[in-house]
Every structure is written in C-alpha cells, then in structure tokens.
Amino acid sequence: MPWPEDLYELVFMPHTNERLDDLSGLAEVEEWDYRQTQTDHHKPILFNYIRYTYRRLAEENKIVVADDGSAIAFNTGLVTPAQEPIFCYCTQNRLQGLPQSWHFHAWRRQGEYDLTRFSALPDMAHYFDDPSQLVLDVRKELRVNVEHVISENRERFPGPYAEMAEYQLQTFLKGAIDNAKQRVRRNYKTAIPQYY
C-alpha cells in the first residue's frame, strides 16, 4: 500500500500541541524546543521529528494495518524511560468531511492492549545500510558553504554572533570548523550523522 508522504494527509490529529505534550511526557526526557530560534510550532524539534520519521517509514512501507483493518500503527523510534518502544496508534476516521482516512487515537507503548490488534508490530525507520556512512572520514576534504551558513541562516546564530559583521562571523565560523575537525580526528564519535 503506498502511503502519503505527509503524516497529516493520512492522519487527522486534533489538538496537535497536546498530543506532542503527551508524547514528550511518555518518552525519555529530551529537549524538544530550540533555545534561540522562535518557531510557529509547539515543541518544534518533536513536531519535525515525528513528521520526518513518518516520511521515512512511509518510504520504507513500515506503517502497518491491524489484522482486522480497524487501526494503523507506526514505530516512532522513541522509547519510554524503561526503554519500551512507543508507537503512533490511529483508528479509522469516522468524522465527515475530512480527507484523512485515519484519526489519531494515542501514543502507545509496545505492551499496551490496543497493539494486540496487530500480529506484528512495525519496525523503526532505517536510515543507513553501510555503517561506514556513520563515521566522518577525516582523510577527505570538508567543504563548507559559508555563504549558506551565514547569509541564509543568520537568525540561527545566538547573540553576540548574530550581530557580528559578515567577515568577522565568517572568521569565527572557520575557526570553529577547524576546532571541530581536530576534535573529530581525536574522537570520531564527536561527529554525528544526519539523514537528509
């Protein structure tokens, strides 16, 4: 079954802010807000995490339908403090006039009763097939698009850096990059991969 790319095309999720609060309360403690950047979304890191995790799961066809067809679920990739996986659990949408086929019901721990409707629970999103992609090869040249980092994203810099002249900020940024490269040479775990 092809799944839509956007979670909100598939699932009607009323009171999204409250649902994000529910999830952050169920999951391991994590900082879900940006410290410097203002956004239009409540818990913007968690909001984006769920959207993009769903997108990857849809690509991998890892959303599952309950054995009786009454519900769907996907693995959020998050866990409770006791390390129990958390799933997004949705039931059939019975509200008239909405394009989404499914209605968000709750975040569910792996062991909860609702999930017994599924003979097999869906796996987490998978991002890398080659483990070497998880380690920065310091023998290769690192090319930084400084113009993009500074000119197109200045609002992301905290004060006093945001107020610096462009050349001054560029000098600071290049120094920070050189320091980061030295740290990665000493400990490869310093560089964290990002899926895009």
Protein backbone atom coordinates (compact mmCIF):
# COMPACT_ATOMS: atom_id res chain seq x y z
CA MET A 1 0.00 0.00 0.00
CA PRO A 2 1.51 3.36 -0.96
CA TRP A 3 1.38 5.77 1.98
CA PRO A 4 1.20 9.56 1.55
CA GLU A 5 4.45 11.42 2.10
CA ASP A 6 2.95 13.75 4.72
CA LEU A 7 1.63 12.35 8.01
CA TYR A 8 -1.16 14.92 8.10
CA GLU A 9 -2.52 13.73 4.73
CA LEU A 10 -3.04 10.30 6.28
CA VAL A 11 -3.92 11.09 9.90
CA PHE A 12 -6.27 13.67 11.37
CA MET A 13 -4.58 14.77 14.61
CA PRO A 14 -6.69 17.32 16.51
CA HIS A 15 -5.06 19.30 19.31
CA THR A 16 -1.57 18.60 17.99
CA ASN A 17 0.13 20.61 20.76
CA GLU A 18 -1.50 18.47 23.43
CA ARG A 19 -0.58 15.29 21.53
CA LEU A 20 3.06 16.44 21.41
CA ASP A 21 2.93 17.11 25.16
CA ASP A 22 1.53 13.60 25.69
CA LEU A 23 4.36 12.08 23.65
CA SER A 24 7.10 14.09 25.34
CA GLY A 25 5.67 13.04 28.72
CA LEU A 26 5.69 9.37 27.73
CA ALA A 27 9.14 9.31 26.10
CA GLU A 28 12.59 9.53 27.62
CA VAL A 29 13.37 13.06 28.74
CA GLU A 30 14.64 15.14 25.83
CA GLU A 31 14.87 18.85 24.96
CA TRP A 32 12.20 19.39 22.27
CA ASP A 33 12.43 23.20 21.93
CA TYR A 34 15.04 25.33 20.20
CA ARG A 35 16.95 27.53 22.60
CA GLN A 36 17.45 30.52 20.31
CA THR A 37 15.10 30.21 17.35
CA GLN A 38 11.43 31.12 17.55
CA THR A 39 9.09 28.87 15.56
CA ASP A 40 5.42 28.57 14.69
CA HIS A 41 5.18 25.11 16.23
CA HIS A 42 4.88 23.83 19.77
CA LYS A 43 7.86 21.57 20.64
CA PRO A 44 9.30 22.16 17.14
CA ILE A 45 12.02 19.51 17.36
CA LEU A 46 9.50 16.81 18.29
CA PHE A 47 6.99 18.10 15.71
CA ASN A 48 9.59 17.80 12.94
CA TYR A 49 10.96 14.53 14.28
CA ILE A 50 7.54 12.85 14.06
CA ARG A 51 6.82 14.26 10.58
CA TYR A 52 10.15 13.21 9.10
CA THR A 53 10.22 9.84 10.88
CA TYR A 54 6.78 9.13 9.44
CA ARG A 55 8.01 10.20 5.98
CA ARG A 56 10.89 7.72 6.13
CA LEU A 57 8.59 4.97 7.41
CA ALA A 58 6.18 5.65 4.54
CA GLU A 59 9.10 5.32 2.07
CA GLU A 60 10.02 2.00 3.66
CA ASN A 61 6.38 0.84 3.85
CA LYS A 62 6.62 0.36 7.63
CA ILE A 63 3.15 1.56 8.58
CA VAL A 64 1.04 -1.47 9.45
CA VAL A 65 -2.69 -2.09 9.39
CA ALA A 66 -4.28 -4.06 12.24
CA ASP A 67 -5.31 -7.61 11.44
CA ASP A 68 -8.99 -6.58 11.49
CA GLY A 69 -8.35 -3.39 9.44
CA SER A 70 -9.61 -1.13 12.23
CA ALA A 71 -6.36 0.66 13.03
CA ILE A 72 -2.86 1.53 11.84
CA ALA A 73 0.38 1.99 13.74
CA PHE A 74 3.94 3.10 13.17
CA ASN A 75 7.03 2.97 15.34
CA THR A 76 8.07 6.47 16.41
CA GLY A 77 11.63 5.38 17.17
CA LEU A 78 11.20 6.87 20.64
CA VAL A 79 11.20 4.86 23.85
CA THR A 80 9.89 5.27 27.38
CA PRO A 81 12.37 5.74 30.26
CA ALA A 82 12.12 1.93 30.68
CA GLN A 83 13.21 1.54 27.01
CA GLU A 84 9.81 0.33 25.77
CA PRO A 85 9.17 1.37 22.13
CA ILE A 86 6.44 3.96 21.50
CA PHE A 87 4.01 3.69 18.58
CA CYS A 88 1.58 6.09 16.95
CA TYR A 89 -1.80 4.35 17.09
CA CYS A 90 -4.66 5.55 14.85
CA THR A 91 -8.18 4.31 14.29
CA GLN A 92 -10.48 4.70 11.30
CA ASN A 93 -11.63 8.29 10.81
CA ARG A 94 -15.40 8.44 11.21
CA LEU A 95 -15.66 12.25 11.04
CA GLN A 96 -17.47 13.53 7.97
CA GLY A 97 -15.84 15.91 5.52
CA LEU A 98 -12.20 15.15 6.35
CA PRO A 99 -9.81 13.82 3.70
CA GLN A 100 -7.75 11.73 6.14
CA SER A 101 -8.65 8.04 6.41
CA TRP A 102 -7.27 7.71 9.92
CA HIS A 103 -7.80 9.54 13.21
CA PHE A 104 -5.03 9.82 15.79
CA HIS A 105 -6.02 7.86 18.88
CA ALA A 106 -2.96 7.75 21.17
CA TRP A 107 0.72 7.12 21.60
CA ARG A 108 1.04 3.53 22.76
CA ARG A 109 3.80 1.59 24.47
CA GLN A 110 4.68 -1.73 22.88
CA GLY A 111 2.98 -3.73 25.64
CA GLU A 112 -0.37 -1.93 25.66
CA TYR A 113 -3.59 -3.74 24.83
CA ASP A 114 -4.50 -1.72 21.70
CA LEU A 115 -1.43 -3.05 19.94
CA THR A 116 -2.57 -6.67 20.33
CA ARG A 117 -4.71 -5.99 17.21
CA PHE A 118 -1.50 -6.33 15.18
CA SER A 119 0.03 -9.76 14.63
CA ALA A 120 3.36 -8.00 14.07
CA LEU A 121 4.37 -4.51 15.14
CA PRO A 122 6.21 -2.27 12.69
CA ASP A 123 9.95 -1.78 12.90
CA MET A 124 11.72 1.55 13.37
CA ALA A 125 12.86 3.66 10.45
CA HIS A 126 16.15 2.57 8.92
CA TYR A 127 18.47 5.21 7.53
CA PHE A 128 21.85 3.65 6.72
CA ASP A 129 22.80 0.36 5.07
CA ASP A 130 26.54 0.98 5.19
CA PRO A 131 27.95 1.54 8.71
CA SER A 132 30.89 3.47 7.22
CA GLN A 133 28.42 6.27 6.46
CA LEU A 134 28.11 6.84 10.21
CA VAL A 135 31.73 7.87 10.63
CA LEU A 136 33.28 11.04 9.24
CA ASP A 137 36.33 10.15 7.15
CA VAL A 138 38.81 12.82 8.25
CA ARG A 139 41.07 11.98 5.29
CA LYS A 140 38.55 13.63 2.96
CA GLU A 141 38.29 17.36 2.36
CA LEU A 142 35.47 19.11 4.21
CA ARG A 143 33.97 21.85 2.04
CA VAL A 144 31.75 24.32 3.84
CA ASN A 145 29.21 26.53 2.10
CA VAL A 146 29.95 29.52 4.32
CA GLU A 147 27.62 31.83 2.40
CA HIS A 148 24.70 29.46 3.04
CA VAL A 149 25.57 29.05 6.71
CA ILE A 150 25.93 32.78 7.37
CA SER A 151 23.94 34.77 4.84
CA GLU A 152 20.95 32.44 4.58
CA ASN A 153 20.75 31.41 8.24
CA ARG A 154 21.91 34.37 10.30
CA GLU A 155 18.83 34.20 12.53
CA ARG A 156 20.03 30.83 13.85
CA PHE A 157 23.14 32.34 15.44
CA PRO A 158 22.80 33.30 19.10
CA GLY A 159 23.92 36.71 20.32
CA PRO A 160 26.54 38.17 20.17
CA TYR A 161 27.39 36.25 16.96
CA ALA A 162 24.21 37.29 15.15
CA GLU A 163 25.26 40.94 15.43
CA MET A 164 28.79 40.40 14.05
CA ALA A 165 29.79 41.77 10.67
CA GLU A 166 29.74 39.06 7.99
CA TYR A 167 33.53 38.87 7.60
CA GLN A 168 34.01 38.71 11.37
CA LEU A 169 31.41 35.94 11.68
CA GLN A 170 32.99 34.08 8.76
CA THR A 171 36.38 34.19 10.53
CA PHE A 172 34.81 32.91 13.74
CA LEU A 173 32.96 30.15 11.90
CA LYS A 174 36.08 28.95 10.06
CA GLY A 175 37.91 28.75 13.40
CA ALA A 176 35.06 26.76 14.92
CA ILE A 177 35.12 24.37 11.94
CA ASP A 178 38.89 23.87 12.29
CA ASN A 179 38.47 23.12 16.00
CA ALA A 180 35.65 20.65 15.24
CA LYS A 181 37.80 18.87 12.65
CA GLN A 182 40.59 18.47 15.22
CA ARG A 183 38.12 17.05 17.77
CA VAL A 184 36.83 14.53 15.22
CA ARG A 185 40.40 13.44 14.46
CA ARG A 186 40.81 12.58 18.16
CA ASN A 187 37.35 11.02 18.62
CA TYR A 188 35.24 10.00 15.62
CA LYS A 189 32.12 9.89 17.84
CA THR A 190 32.20 13.70 18.01
CA ALA A 191 30.63 13.97 14.53
CA ILE A 192 27.00 12.86 14.45
CA PRO A 193 25.49 11.83 11.09
CA GLN A 194 22.28 13.40 9.85
CA TYR A 195 19.85 11.79 7.40
CA TYR A 196 18.61 14.12 4.69
